[in-house]
Amino acid sequence: MNLAPLPSVAAALVPDDALVLDVREDDEWAAGHIEGALHVPMSDFVARFGAVSDAVGDSGRAYVMCRSGGRSAKVTQYLIGQGVDAVNIDGGMQAWAGAGRPMVADGDSAAQVI
């Protein structure tokens, strides 16, 4: 059985107005994230699926993000299985930062990817 390749996009090509779903854990999020992203840690994902589904329904597509792309690929696959239009961001936050895309952090620290 051949599975279709997972939809993915380069961090540099994510639209500025996209719904970014960040599935990293709380400490990773606090260190640096995309302003306006929806933060639902992978560890809470199934329990919070309704909120994710509602948010995606409003925007039409979720661009899924983690640190390097592994966790977000799993969540993207899950979302697609649930009938949600989802795309994995290749390389995650590391690629986002490498592309010079804007990030913010909680508190007064400079944003970084941990």
N, C-alpha and C. Protein backbone atom coordinates (compact mmCIF):
# COMPACT_ATOMS: atom_id res chain seq x y z
N MET A 1 0.84 -1.18 0.00
CA MET A 1 0.00 0.00 0.00
C MET A 1 0.88 1.24 0.00
N ASN A 2 0.70 2.10 -0.97
CA ASN A 2 1.48 3.34 -1.05
C ASN A 2 0.70 4.47 -0.40
N LEU A 3 1.35 5.16 0.50
CA LEU A 3 0.73 6.33 1.12
C LEU A 3 1.14 7.57 0.35
N ALA A 4 0.22 8.50 0.24
CA ALA A 4 0.54 9.76 -0.43
C ALA A 4 1.58 10.51 0.40
N PRO A 5 2.47 11.23 -0.26
CA PRO A 5 3.45 12.00 0.51
C PRO A 5 2.74 13.05 1.38
N LEU A 6 3.34 13.31 2.51
CA LEU A 6 2.78 14.29 3.44
C LEU A 6 2.93 15.69 2.85
N PRO A 7 1.84 16.47 2.80
CA PRO A 7 1.97 17.83 2.29
C PRO A 7 2.91 18.64 3.19
N SER A 8 3.83 19.35 2.57
CA SER A 8 4.77 20.16 3.34
C SER A 8 5.11 21.42 2.57
N VAL A 9 5.66 22.39 3.31
CA VAL A 9 6.02 23.68 2.73
C VAL A 9 7.29 24.18 3.43
N ALA A 10 8.11 24.88 2.70
CA ALA A 10 9.30 25.50 3.29
C ALA A 10 8.87 26.64 4.20
N ALA A 11 9.60 26.82 5.29
CA ALA A 11 9.26 27.87 6.25
C ALA A 11 9.20 29.25 5.59
N ALA A 12 10.07 29.49 4.65
CA ALA A 12 10.10 30.80 3.98
C ALA A 12 8.85 31.05 3.15
N LEU A 13 8.10 30.00 2.82
CA LEU A 13 6.94 30.14 1.94
C LEU A 13 5.59 30.11 2.66
N VAL A 14 5.61 30.02 3.98
CA VAL A 14 4.36 30.05 4.74
C VAL A 14 3.76 31.46 4.64
N PRO A 15 2.51 31.57 4.21
CA PRO A 15 1.91 32.90 4.08
C PRO A 15 1.89 33.65 5.42
N ASP A 16 2.07 34.96 5.35
CA ASP A 16 2.11 35.78 6.57
C ASP A 16 0.81 35.68 7.38
N ASP A 17 -0.32 35.46 6.71
CA ASP A 17 -1.60 35.41 7.40
C ASP A 17 -2.07 33.99 7.70
N ALA A 18 -1.17 33.01 7.57
CA ALA A 18 -1.53 31.61 7.77
C ALA A 18 -1.80 31.31 9.24
N LEU A 19 -2.65 30.30 9.47
CA LEU A 19 -2.83 29.76 10.81
C LEU A 19 -1.68 28.78 11.04
N VAL A 20 -0.76 29.16 11.92
CA VAL A 20 0.34 28.27 12.28
C VAL A 20 -0.03 27.60 13.59
N LEU A 21 0.02 26.28 13.57
CA LEU A 21 -0.27 25.46 14.74
C LEU A 21 1.06 24.96 15.29
N ASP A 22 1.46 25.46 16.43
CA ASP A 22 2.75 25.12 17.05
C ASP A 22 2.51 24.01 18.06
N VAL A 23 3.11 22.84 17.83
CA VAL A 23 2.86 21.68 18.69
C VAL A 23 4.03 21.41 19.65
N ARG A 24 4.93 22.37 19.81
CA ARG A 24 6.04 22.22 20.75
C ARG A 24 5.55 22.35 22.19
N GLU A 25 6.39 21.94 23.11
CA GLU A 25 6.05 22.01 24.53
C GLU A 25 6.18 23.44 25.05
N ASP A 26 5.66 23.68 26.25
CA ASP A 26 5.57 25.03 26.81
C ASP A 26 6.91 25.75 26.89
N ASP A 27 7.99 25.06 27.29
CA ASP A 27 9.29 25.72 27.42
C ASP A 27 9.84 26.13 26.06
N GLU A 28 9.60 25.31 25.05
CA GLU A 28 10.04 25.66 23.69
C GLU A 28 9.28 26.88 23.18
N TRP A 29 7.98 26.90 23.42
CA TRP A 29 7.12 28.02 23.01
C TRP A 29 7.57 29.31 23.69
N ALA A 30 7.81 29.25 24.99
CA ALA A 30 8.18 30.45 25.74
C ALA A 30 9.49 31.05 25.22
N ALA A 31 10.42 30.22 24.79
CA ALA A 31 11.72 30.70 24.31
C ALA A 31 11.61 31.44 22.98
N GLY A 32 10.68 31.03 22.15
CA GLY A 32 10.52 31.70 20.86
C GLY A 32 9.42 31.05 20.04
N HIS A 33 8.54 31.88 19.51
CA HIS A 33 7.42 31.38 18.71
C HIS A 33 6.98 32.43 17.70
N ILE A 34 6.06 32.03 16.85
CA ILE A 34 5.51 32.93 15.84
C ILE A 34 4.34 33.68 16.47
N GLU A 35 4.40 34.98 16.41
CA GLU A 35 3.31 35.79 16.97
C GLU A 35 2.00 35.43 16.26
N GLY A 36 0.97 35.17 17.04
CA GLY A 36 -0.33 34.83 16.50
C GLY A 36 -0.54 33.35 16.24
N ALA A 37 0.50 32.54 16.46
CA ALA A 37 0.36 31.09 16.26
C ALA A 37 -0.55 30.50 17.34
N LEU A 38 -1.19 29.39 17.02
CA LEU A 38 -2.00 28.65 17.97
C LEU A 38 -1.09 27.61 18.62
N HIS A 39 -0.94 27.68 19.94
CA HIS A 39 -0.05 26.76 20.65
C HIS A 39 -0.86 25.64 21.28
N VAL A 40 -0.67 24.44 20.78
CA VAL A 40 -1.28 23.24 21.35
C VAL A 40 -0.18 22.18 21.39
N PRO A 41 0.45 21.99 22.56
CA PRO A 41 1.52 21.00 22.64
C PRO A 41 1.05 19.62 22.18
N MET A 42 1.96 18.90 21.53
CA MET A 42 1.62 17.57 21.03
C MET A 42 1.09 16.69 22.17
N SER A 43 1.61 16.87 23.37
CA SER A 43 1.18 16.05 24.50
C SER A 43 -0.28 16.32 24.90
N ASP A 44 -0.84 17.47 24.51
CA ASP A 44 -2.24 17.81 24.80
C ASP A 44 -3.13 17.74 23.57
N PHE A 45 -2.56 17.32 22.45
CA PHE A 45 -3.23 17.54 21.17
C PHE A 45 -4.58 16.84 21.05
N VAL A 46 -4.64 15.57 21.36
CA VAL A 46 -5.90 14.84 21.17
C VAL A 46 -6.99 15.44 22.06
N ALA A 47 -6.64 15.79 23.31
CA ALA A 47 -7.62 16.37 24.24
C ALA A 47 -8.12 17.73 23.76
N ARG A 48 -7.30 18.46 23.02
CA ARG A 48 -7.66 19.81 22.56
C ARG A 48 -8.01 19.85 21.07
N PHE A 49 -8.26 18.70 20.49
CA PHE A 49 -8.53 18.65 19.05
C PHE A 49 -9.71 19.54 18.64
N GLY A 50 -10.73 19.62 19.47
CA GLY A 50 -11.90 20.45 19.13
C GLY A 50 -11.53 21.90 18.91
N ALA A 51 -10.67 22.45 19.76
CA ALA A 51 -10.23 23.84 19.61
C ALA A 51 -9.41 24.00 18.34
N VAL A 52 -8.59 23.02 18.05
CA VAL A 52 -7.78 23.06 16.83
C VAL A 52 -8.69 23.01 15.61
N SER A 53 -9.64 22.09 15.62
CA SER A 53 -10.57 21.94 14.51
C SER A 53 -11.35 23.23 14.26
N ASP A 54 -11.81 23.86 15.34
CA ASP A 54 -12.54 25.13 15.21
C ASP A 54 -11.66 26.21 14.58
N ALA A 55 -10.42 26.33 15.04
CA ALA A 55 -9.51 27.35 14.53
C ALA A 55 -9.19 27.11 13.06
N VAL A 56 -8.97 25.87 12.70
CA VAL A 56 -8.66 25.54 11.31
C VAL A 56 -9.88 25.77 10.43
N GLY A 57 -11.06 25.48 10.96
CA GLY A 57 -12.27 25.70 10.19
C GLY A 57 -12.43 27.15 9.78
N ASP A 58 -11.99 28.06 10.63
CA ASP A 58 -12.08 29.48 10.32
C ASP A 58 -11.07 29.90 9.25
N SER A 59 -9.88 29.30 9.27
CA SER A 59 -8.83 29.73 8.34
C SER A 59 -8.73 28.84 7.11
N GLY A 60 -9.23 27.62 7.21
CA GLY A 60 -9.21 26.72 6.07
C GLY A 60 -8.04 25.77 6.04
N ARG A 61 -6.87 26.15 6.52
CA ARG A 61 -5.68 25.30 6.47
C ARG A 61 -4.81 25.57 7.69
N ALA A 62 -4.23 24.50 8.22
CA ALA A 62 -3.28 24.63 9.32
C ALA A 62 -1.88 24.33 8.81
N TYR A 63 -0.96 25.20 9.14
CA TYR A 63 0.46 24.99 8.88
C TYR A 63 1.06 24.55 10.21
N VAL A 64 1.52 23.29 10.28
CA VAL A 64 1.91 22.69 11.55
C VAL A 64 3.41 22.81 11.77
N MET A 65 3.78 23.24 12.99
CA MET A 65 5.16 23.59 13.32
C MET A 65 5.61 22.89 14.59
N CYS A 66 6.87 22.43 14.59
CA CYS A 66 7.54 21.99 15.82
C CYS A 66 8.98 22.51 15.73
N ARG A 67 9.90 21.89 16.44
CA ARG A 67 11.28 22.38 16.42
C ARG A 67 11.97 22.08 15.09
N SER A 68 11.85 20.83 14.63
CA SER A 68 12.59 20.46 13.42
C SER A 68 11.74 19.77 12.34
N GLY A 69 10.49 19.46 12.64
CA GLY A 69 9.60 18.90 11.63
C GLY A 69 9.10 17.49 11.91
N GLY A 70 9.64 16.80 12.90
CA GLY A 70 9.23 15.43 13.19
C GLY A 70 7.89 15.33 13.87
N ARG A 71 7.73 16.05 14.98
CA ARG A 71 6.45 16.01 15.71
C ARG A 71 5.34 16.61 14.85
N SER A 72 5.66 17.69 14.17
CA SER A 72 4.63 18.34 13.34
C SER A 72 4.20 17.43 12.19
N ALA A 73 5.10 16.60 11.68
CA ALA A 73 4.72 15.65 10.62
C ALA A 73 3.69 14.66 11.16
N LYS A 74 3.88 14.18 12.39
CA LYS A 74 2.93 13.24 12.99
C LYS A 74 1.57 13.90 13.19
N VAL A 75 1.58 15.15 13.68
CA VAL A 75 0.32 15.86 13.90
C VAL A 75 -0.35 16.18 12.56
N THR A 76 0.43 16.55 11.57
CA THR A 76 -0.13 16.82 10.24
C THR A 76 -0.82 15.57 9.71
N GLN A 77 -0.16 14.43 9.84
CA GLN A 77 -0.74 13.16 9.39
C GLN A 77 -2.05 12.87 10.13
N TYR A 78 -2.07 13.10 11.44
CA TYR A 78 -3.28 12.90 12.24
C TYR A 78 -4.40 13.82 11.75
N LEU A 79 -4.07 15.10 11.56
CA LEU A 79 -5.09 16.06 11.12
C LEU A 79 -5.67 15.66 9.77
N ILE A 80 -4.84 15.27 8.84
CA ILE A 80 -5.31 14.86 7.53
C ILE A 80 -6.24 13.66 7.67
N GLY A 81 -5.89 12.73 8.57
CA GLY A 81 -6.74 11.57 8.82
C GLY A 81 -8.10 11.94 9.38
N GLN A 82 -8.18 13.12 10.02
CA GLN A 82 -9.44 13.62 10.57
C GLN A 82 -10.17 14.53 9.58
N GLY A 83 -9.64 14.64 8.37
CA GLY A 83 -10.29 15.44 7.34
C GLY A 83 -9.94 16.92 7.37
N VAL A 84 -8.87 17.27 8.09
CA VAL A 84 -8.45 18.67 8.21
C VAL A 84 -7.38 18.95 7.15
N ASP A 85 -7.45 20.10 6.50
CA ASP A 85 -6.43 20.53 5.55
C ASP A 85 -5.22 21.00 6.34
N ALA A 86 -4.15 20.21 6.34
CA ALA A 86 -2.97 20.51 7.14
C ALA A 86 -1.72 20.31 6.31
N VAL A 87 -0.71 21.15 6.60
CA VAL A 87 0.57 21.11 5.89
C VAL A 87 1.68 21.18 6.93
N ASN A 88 2.68 20.32 6.79
CA ASN A 88 3.83 20.33 7.69
C ASN A 88 4.82 21.40 7.23
N ILE A 89 5.37 22.15 8.18
CA ILE A 89 6.40 23.14 7.85
C ILE A 89 7.76 22.44 7.92
N ASP A 90 8.39 22.26 6.76
CA ASP A 90 9.69 21.58 6.68
C ASP A 90 10.73 22.27 7.55
N GLY A 91 11.39 21.50 8.40
CA GLY A 91 12.47 22.03 9.22
C GLY A 91 12.02 22.78 10.45
N GLY A 92 10.71 22.97 10.63
CA GLY A 92 10.16 23.57 11.84
C GLY A 92 10.71 24.95 12.17
N MET A 93 10.75 25.21 13.48
CA MET A 93 11.20 26.53 13.96
C MET A 93 12.67 26.78 13.61
N GLN A 94 13.47 25.73 13.51
CA GLN A 94 14.86 25.92 13.12
C GLN A 94 14.93 26.51 11.72
N ALA A 95 14.12 26.00 10.80
CA ALA A 95 14.09 26.53 9.44
C ALA A 95 13.47 27.93 9.42
N TRP A 96 12.45 28.14 10.26
CA TRP A 96 11.80 29.45 10.34
C TRP A 96 12.82 30.52 10.74
N ALA A 97 13.55 30.23 11.81
CA ALA A 97 14.58 31.18 12.28
C ALA A 97 15.67 31.34 11.23
N GLY A 98 16.06 30.24 10.60
CA GLY A 98 17.09 30.29 9.57
C GLY A 98 16.68 31.12 8.36
N ALA A 99 15.38 31.17 8.09
CA ALA A 99 14.87 31.97 6.97
C ALA A 99 14.68 33.43 7.35
N GLY A 100 14.98 33.76 8.62
CA GLY A 100 14.84 35.16 9.07
C GLY A 100 13.41 35.58 9.30
N ARG A 101 12.50 34.62 9.47
CA ARG A 101 11.10 34.96 9.72
C ARG A 101 10.96 35.48 11.15
N PRO A 102 9.99 36.36 11.42
CA PRO A 102 9.88 36.98 12.74
C PRO A 102 9.43 35.99 13.82
N MET A 103 9.99 36.19 15.02
CA MET A 103 9.65 35.39 16.20
C MET A 103 9.57 36.33 17.40
N VAL A 104 8.82 35.91 18.39
CA VAL A 104 8.72 36.62 19.66
C VAL A 104 8.94 35.61 20.78
N ALA A 105 9.25 36.11 21.97
CA ALA A 105 9.43 35.24 23.13
C ALA A 105 8.58 35.77 24.28
N ASP A 106 8.28 34.90 25.22
CA ASP A 106 7.61 35.34 26.44
C ASP A 106 8.62 36.10 27.29
N GLY A 107 8.19 37.16 27.96
CA GLY A 107 9.09 37.93 28.81
C GLY A 107 9.96 38.88 28.00
N ASP A 108 11.10 39.24 28.57
CA ASP A 108 11.98 40.23 27.94
C ASP A 108 13.13 39.62 27.16
N SER A 109 13.20 38.31 27.09
CA SER A 109 14.32 37.64 26.40
C SER A 109 14.17 37.76 24.89
N ALA A 110 15.32 37.67 24.22
CA ALA A 110 15.30 37.60 22.76
C ALA A 110 14.78 36.23 22.35
N ALA A 111 14.00 36.19 21.27
CA ALA A 111 13.44 34.92 20.80
C ALA A 111 14.54 34.00 20.31
N GLN A 112 14.41 32.73 20.67
CA GLN A 112 15.36 31.72 20.21
C GLN A 112 14.64 30.38 20.08
N VAL A 113 15.25 29.47 19.35
CA VAL A 113 14.70 28.14 19.19
C VAL A 113 15.48 27.21 20.11
N ILE A 114 14.75 26.54 21.01
CA ILE A 114 15.42 25.58 21.90
C ILE A 114 14.89 24.18 21.65
